[in-house]
Protein backbone atom coordinates (compact mmCIF):
# COMPACT_ATOMS: atom_id res chain seq x y z
CA MET A 1 -78.00 130.24 43.04
CA TYR A 2 -76.39 127.33 44.91
CA SER A 3 -78.85 127.26 47.84
CA ASP A 4 -81.83 127.57 45.52
CA ALA A 5 -80.55 124.63 43.49
CA ILE A 6 -80.29 122.48 46.62
CA THR A 7 -83.87 123.38 47.56
CA ALA A 8 -85.11 122.66 44.05
CA PHE A 9 -83.55 119.20 44.09
CA ARG A 10 -85.08 118.38 47.45
CA ASN A 11 -88.44 119.45 46.02
CA ARG A 12 -87.98 117.08 43.05
CA ASN A 13 -87.51 119.90 40.56
CA PRO A 14 -84.89 120.17 37.80
CA VAL A 15 -81.96 122.58 37.97
CA LEU A 16 -80.01 124.01 35.05
CA ILE A 17 -76.23 124.00 35.53
CA PHE A 18 -73.92 126.14 33.38
CA ASP A 19 -70.34 124.91 33.58
CA ALA A 20 -68.16 127.89 32.58
CA ASP A 21 -67.35 130.20 29.68
CA THR A 22 -63.79 128.85 29.85
CA ARG A 23 -64.90 125.22 29.55
CA GLU A 24 -67.72 123.83 27.39
CA GLY A 25 -69.86 126.93 27.82
CA GLU A 26 -72.87 124.62 28.03
CA THR A 27 -75.92 124.29 30.25
CA ASP A 28 -77.38 120.94 31.29
CA ILE A 29 -80.83 120.18 32.63
CA VAL A 30 -80.21 118.15 35.79
CA ILE A 31 -82.51 116.10 38.04
CA PRO A 32 -81.63 113.74 40.91
CA SER A 33 -81.90 110.28 39.39
CA GLN A 34 -84.21 109.09 42.15
CA PHE A 35 -86.78 111.65 41.02
CA ILE A 36 -86.75 110.89 37.29
CA THR A 37 -90.10 110.40 35.56
CA PRO A 38 -91.20 109.78 31.97
CA ASP A 39 -92.36 113.43 31.84
CA ILE A 40 -88.89 114.68 32.78
CA ILE A 41 -87.29 112.40 30.17
CA ARG A 42 -89.69 113.92 27.62
CA ILE A 43 -88.70 117.46 28.70
CA MET A 44 -85.03 116.54 28.40
CA ARG A 45 -85.56 115.00 24.97
CA LYS A 46 -87.69 117.81 23.52
CA ASP A 47 -86.49 120.97 25.30
CA ALA A 48 -82.80 120.10 25.64
CA GLY A 49 -82.04 117.61 22.89
CA GLY A 50 -78.57 116.50 23.96
CA LEU A 51 -77.47 113.10 25.24
CA ILE A 52 -79.41 111.89 28.28
CA CYS A 53 -76.93 110.41 30.77
CA THR A 54 -76.94 109.22 34.37
CA THR A 55 -74.06 109.74 36.78
CA VAL A 56 -72.51 107.63 39.51
CA LYS A 57 -69.70 108.33 41.98
CA GLN A 58 -66.42 106.60 41.22
CA ALA A 59 -66.45 104.78 44.56
CA ASP A 60 -69.89 103.28 43.79
CA ALA A 61 -68.84 102.43 40.24
CA GLU A 62 -65.82 100.56 41.58
CA LYS A 63 -68.01 98.57 43.97
CA ILE A 64 -70.18 97.48 41.07
CA GLY A 65 -67.26 96.99 38.70
CA LEU A 66 -68.32 99.65 36.19
CA PRO A 67 -65.34 100.71 34.04
CA TYR A 68 -64.49 103.96 32.34
CA ILE A 69 -65.17 103.14 28.72
CA GLU A 70 -61.74 104.27 27.52
CA ASP A 71 -60.10 101.85 30.00
CA LEU A 72 -62.24 99.06 28.62
CA PHE A 73 -61.32 100.02 25.06
CA ARG A 74 -57.61 100.12 25.90
CA LYS A 75 -57.85 96.52 27.04
CA CYS A 76 -59.96 95.03 24.28
CA LEU A 77 -60.14 97.33 21.25
CA ASP A 78 -58.52 95.45 18.37
CA MET A 79 -57.39 98.45 16.36
CA ASP A 80 -54.89 101.30 16.42
CA LYS A 81 -55.02 102.65 19.99
CA SER A 82 -54.31 106.18 18.74
CA ILE A 83 -58.07 106.53 18.41
CA LEU A 84 -58.11 106.86 22.21
CA ASN A 85 -55.74 109.85 22.20
CA ALA A 86 -57.72 112.80 23.64
CA GLU A 87 -54.95 115.40 23.61
CA ASP A 88 -56.85 117.44 21.04
CA MET A 89 -60.05 117.57 23.15
CA LYS A 90 -60.93 121.26 23.44
CA TYR A 91 -62.40 121.38 26.95
CA ASP A 92 -60.90 118.49 28.95
CA LYS A 93 -58.53 115.50 28.80
CA ASP A 94 -60.62 113.00 30.77
CA SER A 95 -63.89 111.42 29.71
CA THR A 96 -66.38 110.16 32.28
CA PHE A 97 -68.27 107.77 30.00
CA SER A 98 -68.89 104.23 31.21
CA ILE A 99 -71.09 101.52 29.68
CA THR A 100 -74.69 101.91 28.51
CA ILE A 101 -77.48 100.03 30.28
CA ASN A 102 -81.16 99.06 30.11
CA SER A 103 -83.19 97.75 33.00
CA ARG A 104 -84.17 94.14 32.35
CA ASP A 105 -87.79 95.24 32.89
CA THR A 106 -87.75 97.47 29.78
CA PHE A 107 -88.82 96.58 26.25
CA THR A 108 -86.63 98.36 23.67
CA GLY A 109 -85.19 100.70 26.32
CA ILE A 110 -85.52 103.92 24.30
CA SER A 111 -89.03 105.13 25.12
CA ASP A 112 -89.54 107.80 27.78
CA ASN A 113 -91.11 105.17 30.02
CA ASP A 114 -88.26 102.71 29.47
CA ARG A 115 -85.47 105.20 30.01
CA SER A 116 -87.18 106.51 33.13
CA LEU A 117 -87.52 102.96 34.46
CA THR A 118 -83.83 102.23 33.84
CA VAL A 119 -82.77 105.36 35.74
CA GLN A 120 -85.20 104.65 38.58
CA HIS A 121 -83.85 101.13 38.94
CA PHE A 122 -80.26 102.40 38.82
CA ALA A 123 -80.93 104.91 41.61
CA GLY A 124 -82.64 102.18 43.63
CA PHE A 125 -79.67 99.88 43.11
CA LEU A 126 -77.30 102.56 44.44
CA LYS A 127 -79.53 103.14 47.46
CA ASP A 128 -79.62 99.44 48.31
CA LEU A 129 -75.88 99.18 47.68
CA LYS A 130 -75.24 101.92 50.23
CA VAL A 131 -77.22 100.21 52.96
CA GLU A 132 -75.83 96.78 51.99
CA LYS A 133 -79.19 95.35 51.01
CA ILE A 134 -77.81 94.08 47.74
CA SER A 135 -74.61 92.58 46.40
CA PRO A 136 -72.64 94.49 43.74
CA ASP A 137 -72.50 91.19 41.83
CA SER A 138 -76.27 91.34 41.31
CA PHE A 139 -75.96 94.31 38.92
CA GLY A 140 -76.28 92.01 35.93
CA SER A 141 -79.51 90.55 37.25
CA VAL A 142 -81.12 94.01 37.17
CA PHE A 143 -79.49 95.52 34.06
CA ARG A 144 -78.14 94.50 30.66
CA THR A 145 -75.63 96.17 28.35
CA PRO A 146 -75.61 97.66 25.77
CA GLY A 147 -78.58 99.85 26.53
CA HIS A 148 -80.04 103.31 26.11
CA ILE A 149 -78.88 105.07 29.29
CA HIS A 150 -75.28 106.28 29.16
CA LEU A 151 -73.57 106.02 32.54
CA LEU A 152 -71.02 108.67 33.55
CA ILE A 153 -68.56 108.17 36.42
CA ALA A 154 -67.81 111.28 38.51
CA ARG A 155 -64.10 111.33 39.29
CA ASP A 156 -63.01 110.86 42.92
CA GLY A 157 -62.00 114.14 44.51
CA TYR A 158 -64.60 115.94 42.43
CA PHE A 159 -63.20 119.31 41.31
CA SER A 160 -59.64 118.58 42.32
CA ARG A 161 -59.55 116.32 39.26
CA ARG A 162 -62.28 117.45 36.87
CA ARG A 163 -64.86 120.23 36.60
CA GLY A 164 -67.42 118.87 34.17
CA HIS A 165 -71.18 118.49 34.39
CA THR A 166 -70.72 114.92 35.63
CA GLU A 167 -68.95 116.18 38.76
CA LEU A 168 -70.99 119.37 39.15
CA SER A 169 -74.33 117.59 39.05
CA THR A 170 -73.32 114.60 41.20
CA TYR A 171 -71.78 116.82 43.87
CA LEU A 172 -74.83 119.08 44.00
CA VAL A 173 -77.21 116.12 44.30
CA GLU A 174 -75.06 114.63 47.06
CA GLN A 175 -75.06 117.95 48.94
CA ALA A 176 -78.85 117.89 48.81
CA GLY A 177 -78.71 114.68 50.85
CA LEU A 178 -80.02 112.52 48.02
CA ILE A 179 -78.79 109.35 46.30
CA PRO A 180 -75.57 110.60 44.65
CA SER A 181 -76.64 110.17 41.05
CA ALA A 182 -77.91 112.79 38.62
CA THR A 183 -79.56 112.45 35.25
CA ILE A 184 -78.41 115.18 32.89
CA VAL A 185 -78.74 116.42 29.32
CA GLU A 186 -77.11 119.23 27.33
CA MET A 187 -79.34 122.05 26.07
CA LEU A 188 -79.04 122.56 22.31
CA ASP A 189 -80.40 125.36 20.13
CA ASP A 190 -82.14 125.22 16.77
CA ASN A 191 -79.13 126.92 15.15
CA GLY A 192 -77.11 123.73 15.53
CA LYS A 193 -75.09 125.02 18.48
CA SER A 194 -75.29 124.72 22.25
CA MET A 195 -77.90 127.02 23.76
CA THR A 196 -76.37 130.21 25.16
CA ARG A 197 -76.32 130.93 28.86
CA ASP A 198 -78.76 133.84 28.42
CA LYS A 199 -81.28 131.59 26.69
CA THR A 200 -80.97 128.84 29.27
CA GLU A 201 -81.39 131.31 32.14
CA ASN A 202 -84.54 132.63 30.47
CA TYR A 203 -85.76 129.05 30.06
CA ALA A 204 -85.15 128.37 33.76
CA ARG A 205 -87.09 131.49 34.79
CA LYS A 206 -89.97 130.68 32.45
CA HIS A 207 -90.37 127.16 33.82
CA GLY A 208 -89.56 127.90 37.47
CA TYR A 209 -86.41 125.78 37.49
CA GLY A 210 -83.29 126.45 39.53
CA PHE A 211 -80.11 127.74 37.90
CA ALA A 212 -76.55 127.37 39.15
CA THR A 213 -73.09 127.86 37.70
CA GLY A 214 -69.99 125.76 37.97
CA GLU A 215 -68.27 128.71 39.62
CA GLU A 216 -70.85 128.80 42.43
CA ILE A 217 -70.75 125.05 43.00
CA ILE A 218 -66.96 124.81 42.96
CA SER A 219 -66.66 127.84 45.26
CA GLU A 220 -68.94 126.14 47.80
CA TRP A 221 -66.95 122.91 47.51
CA SER A 222 -63.66 124.81 48.00
CA GLU A 223 -64.91 126.36 51.23
CA ASN A 224 -65.68 122.89 52.58
CA HIS A 225 -62.31 121.48 51.53
C-alpha cells in the first residue's frame, strides 16, 4: 500500500514497486539512495538480478548538466541515427537513461562496497546541491564516467509525461520527505523472464518489505494535482 511504502522508506527499508500489467509488468526493488548499503546492493544483485540504477529528478540533472543518453548520442554518435529510433519499443517511447558514474573514491567501481559508495556520494551531492553547499560544476571532482552506476533521469511532470519505475520510485521517495533519488533494480526469475507479480508480492511478505503498485502511486499523485 502507498502509505506503508512511505513508512518503509522513512524506516530505511526497501519497497517493491510493480508498474502495471499494461506496461512492463515488472517489479523493482527500490530503496531511497541516501539509505543504500553494501548489504542492500548484495540483495539487489542476488535476489533481483536486473540492472542496478540510481534516479535523479530532471531539474537536479539539469543543474548538474547530466544529459539523457539518447540526446548525447544524437549529438555525437558517428553512425546511422536510425539506431536511436524507439518507435518499436513495446512499453514506452522515452528512455530515462543518463551517463554511468563511479565515485572517485572507488577502486573498480563494481563491488557491492564500491557501488554503495557511489550511490551514497551521489545522494550526498544532491543534498548539498539543494542547500547550495556545493557548485554543480564540482560534479566531476566527485565522480568519473564511465562507471558502474547507471543514472536515470525522472521526467519533469512525473506521470503527466511518463509512468515508469524511474518516475514511480523518485516520486515516492520525494513524498517520503527524503532526498529525491531512488536506487532500483528489476526482479528477474530463474526461468529467464521477469518475476511475476505474485512471486514478488510473496517475496515482499517473506522479507517484511513494503509493496506498492504504479496504480496506487499515480492515483495519489493525481489527487494532489
